Amino acid sequence: MPEFKFVINGTTLSCLSDDSLTTGNVGTYKCSFIFADGLQGMTWYAAFKKNGRQHCAEIENGSCDIPQNMLDDSGTLYVGVFASMLNDPSQYKRLSTNFVMLKVNCGA
């Protein structure tokens, strides 16, 4: 399965892969995330946006699949990450990164 690797450092998301994706794939592409020190202990989600559509997927064991509906058509796929932690209501914490752009090419 092709894998896109991302690094999360504070509120900055970087992609270490420069490959593109192809439309029509299902369960093919995976995102894996490397977390900088101090970012553990939160519940993390990948946020996907493309052509007015949005989808969130929980990051489990450092990875998640790219949703099928993000590969329905060609264009630019935006990938971001957010996390939250709630130990008690007075200590709620939420972290949000920038979006990284991936190209989705037309497939066969």
C-alpha atoms as a PDB file:
ATOM      1  CA  MET A   1       0.000   0.000   0.000  1.00  0.00           C
ATOM      2  CA  PRO A   2       1.516   3.386  -0.988  1.00  0.00           C
ATOM      3  CA  GLU A   3       2.215   5.457   2.097  1.00  0.00           C
ATOM      4  CA  PHE A   4       2.434   9.207   2.546  1.00  0.00           C
ATOM      5  CA  LYS A   5       4.567  10.181   5.530  1.00  0.00           C
ATOM      6  CA  PHE A   6       3.895  13.330   7.524  1.00  0.00           C
ATOM      7  CA  VAL A   7       5.708  15.001  10.427  1.00  0.00           C
ATOM      8  CA  ILE A   8       3.810  16.953  13.073  1.00  0.00           C
ATOM      9  CA  ASN A   9       5.925  19.472  14.966  1.00  0.00           C
ATOM     10  CA  GLY A  10       3.785  21.739  17.126  1.00  0.00           C
ATOM     11  CA  THR A  11       1.242  23.309  14.773  1.00  0.00           C
ATOM     12  CA  THR A  12       3.272  22.602  11.632  1.00  0.00           C
ATOM     13  CA  LEU A  13       2.504  19.647   9.369  1.00  0.00           C
ATOM     14  CA  SER A  14       5.059  18.637   6.718  1.00  0.00           C
ATOM     15  CA  CYS A  15       4.842  15.909   4.102  1.00  0.00           C
ATOM     16  CA  LEU A  16       7.966  13.830   3.486  1.00  0.00           C
ATOM     17  CA  SER A  17       6.501  12.214   0.344  1.00  0.00           C
ATOM     18  CA  ASP A  18       6.382  13.937  -3.023  1.00  0.00           C
ATOM     19  CA  ASP A  19       4.285  11.334  -4.853  1.00  0.00           C
ATOM     20  CA  SER A  20       0.837  12.013  -6.247  1.00  0.00           C
ATOM     21  CA  LEU A  21      -2.354   9.994  -5.907  1.00  0.00           C
ATOM     22  CA  THR A  22      -4.636   8.557  -8.608  1.00  0.00           C
ATOM     23  CA  THR A  23      -8.437   8.621  -8.758  1.00  0.00           C
ATOM     24  CA  GLY A  24     -10.462   5.436  -8.476  1.00  0.00           C
ATOM     25  CA  ASN A  25      -8.418   3.739  -5.772  1.00  0.00           C
ATOM     26  CA  VAL A  26     -10.110   2.249  -2.712  1.00  0.00           C
ATOM     27  CA  GLY A  27      -8.191   1.272   0.427  1.00  0.00           C
ATOM     28  CA  THR A  28      -4.929   1.888  -1.437  1.00  0.00           C
ATOM     29  CA  TYR A  29      -3.312   4.962   0.091  1.00  0.00           C
ATOM     30  CA  LYS A  30      -2.220   5.312   3.697  1.00  0.00           C
ATOM     31  CA  CYS A  31      -1.018   8.302   5.716  1.00  0.00           C
ATOM     32  CA  SER A  32       1.499   7.746   8.480  1.00  0.00           C
ATOM     33  CA  PHE A  33       2.348  10.406  11.022  1.00  0.00           C
ATOM     34  CA  ILE A  34       5.475  11.066  13.045  1.00  0.00           C
ATOM     35  CA  PHE A  35       4.811  13.098  16.186  1.00  0.00           C
ATOM     36  CA  ALA A  36       7.378  15.433  17.718  1.00  0.00           C
ATOM     37  CA  ASP A  37       8.110  15.021  21.419  1.00  0.00           C
ATOM     38  CA  GLY A  38       5.434  16.323  23.743  1.00  0.00           C
ATOM     39  CA  LEU A  39       2.518  15.627  21.390  1.00  0.00           C
ATOM     40  CA  GLN A  40       1.583  12.210  22.735  1.00  0.00           C
ATOM     41  CA  GLY A  41      -1.459  11.631  24.923  1.00  0.00           C
ATOM     42  CA  MET A  42      -3.923  13.415  22.649  1.00  0.00           C
ATOM     43  CA  THR A  43      -6.599  11.999  20.343  1.00  0.00           C
ATOM     44  CA  TRP A  44      -5.483  12.793  16.779  1.00  0.00           C
ATOM     45  CA  TYR A  45      -7.507  13.142  13.583  1.00  0.00           C
ATOM     46  CA  ALA A  46      -6.543  13.677   9.956  1.00  0.00           C
ATOM     47  CA  ALA A  47      -8.705  16.238   8.159  1.00  0.00           C
ATOM     48  CA  PHE A  48      -9.105  15.839   4.398  1.00  0.00           C
ATOM     49  CA  LYS A  49     -10.582  18.538   2.108  1.00  0.00           C
ATOM     50  CA  LYS A  50     -11.104  18.437  -1.656  1.00  0.00           C
ATOM     51  CA  ASN A  51     -13.485  20.176  -4.072  1.00  0.00           C
ATOM     52  CA  GLY A  52     -15.814  21.335  -1.276  1.00  0.00           C
ATOM     53  CA  ARG A  53     -15.930  17.951   0.466  1.00  0.00           C
ATOM     54  CA  GLN A  54     -14.483  17.208   3.905  1.00  0.00           C
ATOM     55  CA  HIS A  55     -13.710  14.030   5.793  1.00  0.00           C
ATOM     56  CA  CYS A  56     -12.029  13.299   9.144  1.00  0.00           C
ATOM     57  CA  ALA A  57     -10.373  10.031  10.117  1.00  0.00           C
ATOM     58  CA  GLU A  58      -8.984   9.082  13.507  1.00  0.00           C
ATOM     59  CA  ILE A  59      -5.253   8.443  13.475  1.00  0.00           C
ATOM     60  CA  GLU A  60      -4.737   5.066  15.108  1.00  0.00           C
ATOM     61  CA  ASN A  61      -1.272   3.643  15.786  1.00  0.00           C
ATOM     62  CA  GLY A  62       0.194   6.582  13.867  1.00  0.00           C
ATOM     63  CA  SER A  63      -1.706   6.059  10.606  1.00  0.00           C
ATOM     64  CA  CYS A  64      -4.993   6.209   8.718  1.00  0.00           C
ATOM     65  CA  ASP A  65      -6.247   5.506   5.205  1.00  0.00           C
ATOM     66  CA  ILE A  66      -6.998   8.284   2.726  1.00  0.00           C
ATOM     67  CA  PRO A  67     -10.799   8.160   2.370  1.00  0.00           C
ATOM     68  CA  GLN A  68     -12.230   6.841  -0.886  1.00  0.00           C
ATOM     69  CA  ASN A  69     -14.430   9.925  -1.451  1.00  0.00           C
ATOM     70  CA  MET A  70     -11.287  12.073  -1.607  1.00  0.00           C
ATOM     71  CA  LEU A  71     -10.161  10.045  -4.643  1.00  0.00           C
ATOM     72  CA  ASP A  72     -13.386  10.267  -6.666  1.00  0.00           C
ATOM     73  CA  ASP A  73     -12.030  13.008  -8.924  1.00  0.00           C
ATOM     74  CA  SER A  74      -8.759  14.727  -9.771  1.00  0.00           C
ATOM     75  CA  GLY A  75      -7.634  17.942  -8.112  1.00  0.00           C
ATOM     76  CA  THR A  76      -5.827  19.100  -5.007  1.00  0.00           C
ATOM     77  CA  LEU A  77      -6.289  17.178  -1.775  1.00  0.00           C
ATOM     78  CA  TYR A  78      -5.620  19.126   1.408  1.00  0.00           C
ATOM     79  CA  VAL A  79      -4.458  17.135   4.442  1.00  0.00           C
ATOM     80  CA  GLY A  80      -4.335  18.628   7.933  1.00  0.00           C
ATOM     81  CA  VAL A  81      -4.283  17.289  11.471  1.00  0.00           C
ATOM     82  CA  PHE A  82      -5.986  18.256  14.690  1.00  0.00           C
ATOM     83  CA  ALA A  83      -6.015  16.820  18.186  1.00  0.00           C
ATOM     84  CA  SER A  84      -7.802  17.292  21.450  1.00  0.00           C
ATOM     85  CA  MET A  85      -7.239  16.316  25.034  1.00  0.00           C
ATOM     86  CA  LEU A  86      -9.647  16.626  27.913  1.00  0.00           C
ATOM     87  CA  ASN A  87      -8.323  15.659  31.325  1.00  0.00           C
ATOM     88  CA  ASP A  88     -10.937  17.811  33.015  1.00  0.00           C
ATOM     89  CA  PRO A  89     -13.085  20.711  31.694  1.00  0.00           C
ATOM     90  CA  SER A  90     -10.707  23.357  33.021  1.00  0.00           C
ATOM     91  CA  GLN A  91      -7.749  21.829  31.135  1.00  0.00           C
ATOM     92  CA  TYR A  92      -9.222  21.303  27.664  1.00  0.00           C
ATOM     93  CA  LYS A  93      -6.534  21.447  24.966  1.00  0.00           C
ATOM     94  CA  ARG A  94      -6.919  21.509  21.169  1.00  0.00           C
ATOM     95  CA  LEU A  95      -4.144  21.648  18.578  1.00  0.00           C
ATOM     96  CA  SER A  96      -4.594  22.301  14.849  1.00  0.00           C
ATOM     97  CA  THR A  97      -1.967  22.213  12.084  1.00  0.00           C
ATOM     98  CA  ASN A  98      -1.710  23.795   8.671  1.00  0.00           C
ATOM     99  CA  PHE A  99      -2.906  21.951   5.562  1.00  0.00           C
ATOM    100  CA  VAL A 100      -0.515  20.234   3.129  1.00  0.00           C
ATOM    101  CA  MET A 101      -1.461  19.847  -0.537  1.00  0.00           C
ATOM    102  CA  LEU A 102      -1.316  16.540  -2.421  1.00  0.00           C
ATOM    103  CA  LYS A 103      -2.070  16.176  -6.129  1.00  0.00           C
ATOM    104  CA  VAL A 104      -4.736  13.691  -7.253  1.00  0.00           C
ATOM    105  CA  ASN A 105      -4.316  12.695 -10.902  1.00  0.00           C
ATOM    106  CA  CYS A 106      -6.970  11.117 -13.122  1.00  0.00           C
ATOM    107  CA  GLY A 107      -6.691   7.322 -13.084  1.00  0.00           C
ATOM    108  CA  ALA A 108      -7.801   4.650 -15.527  1.00  0.00           C
END
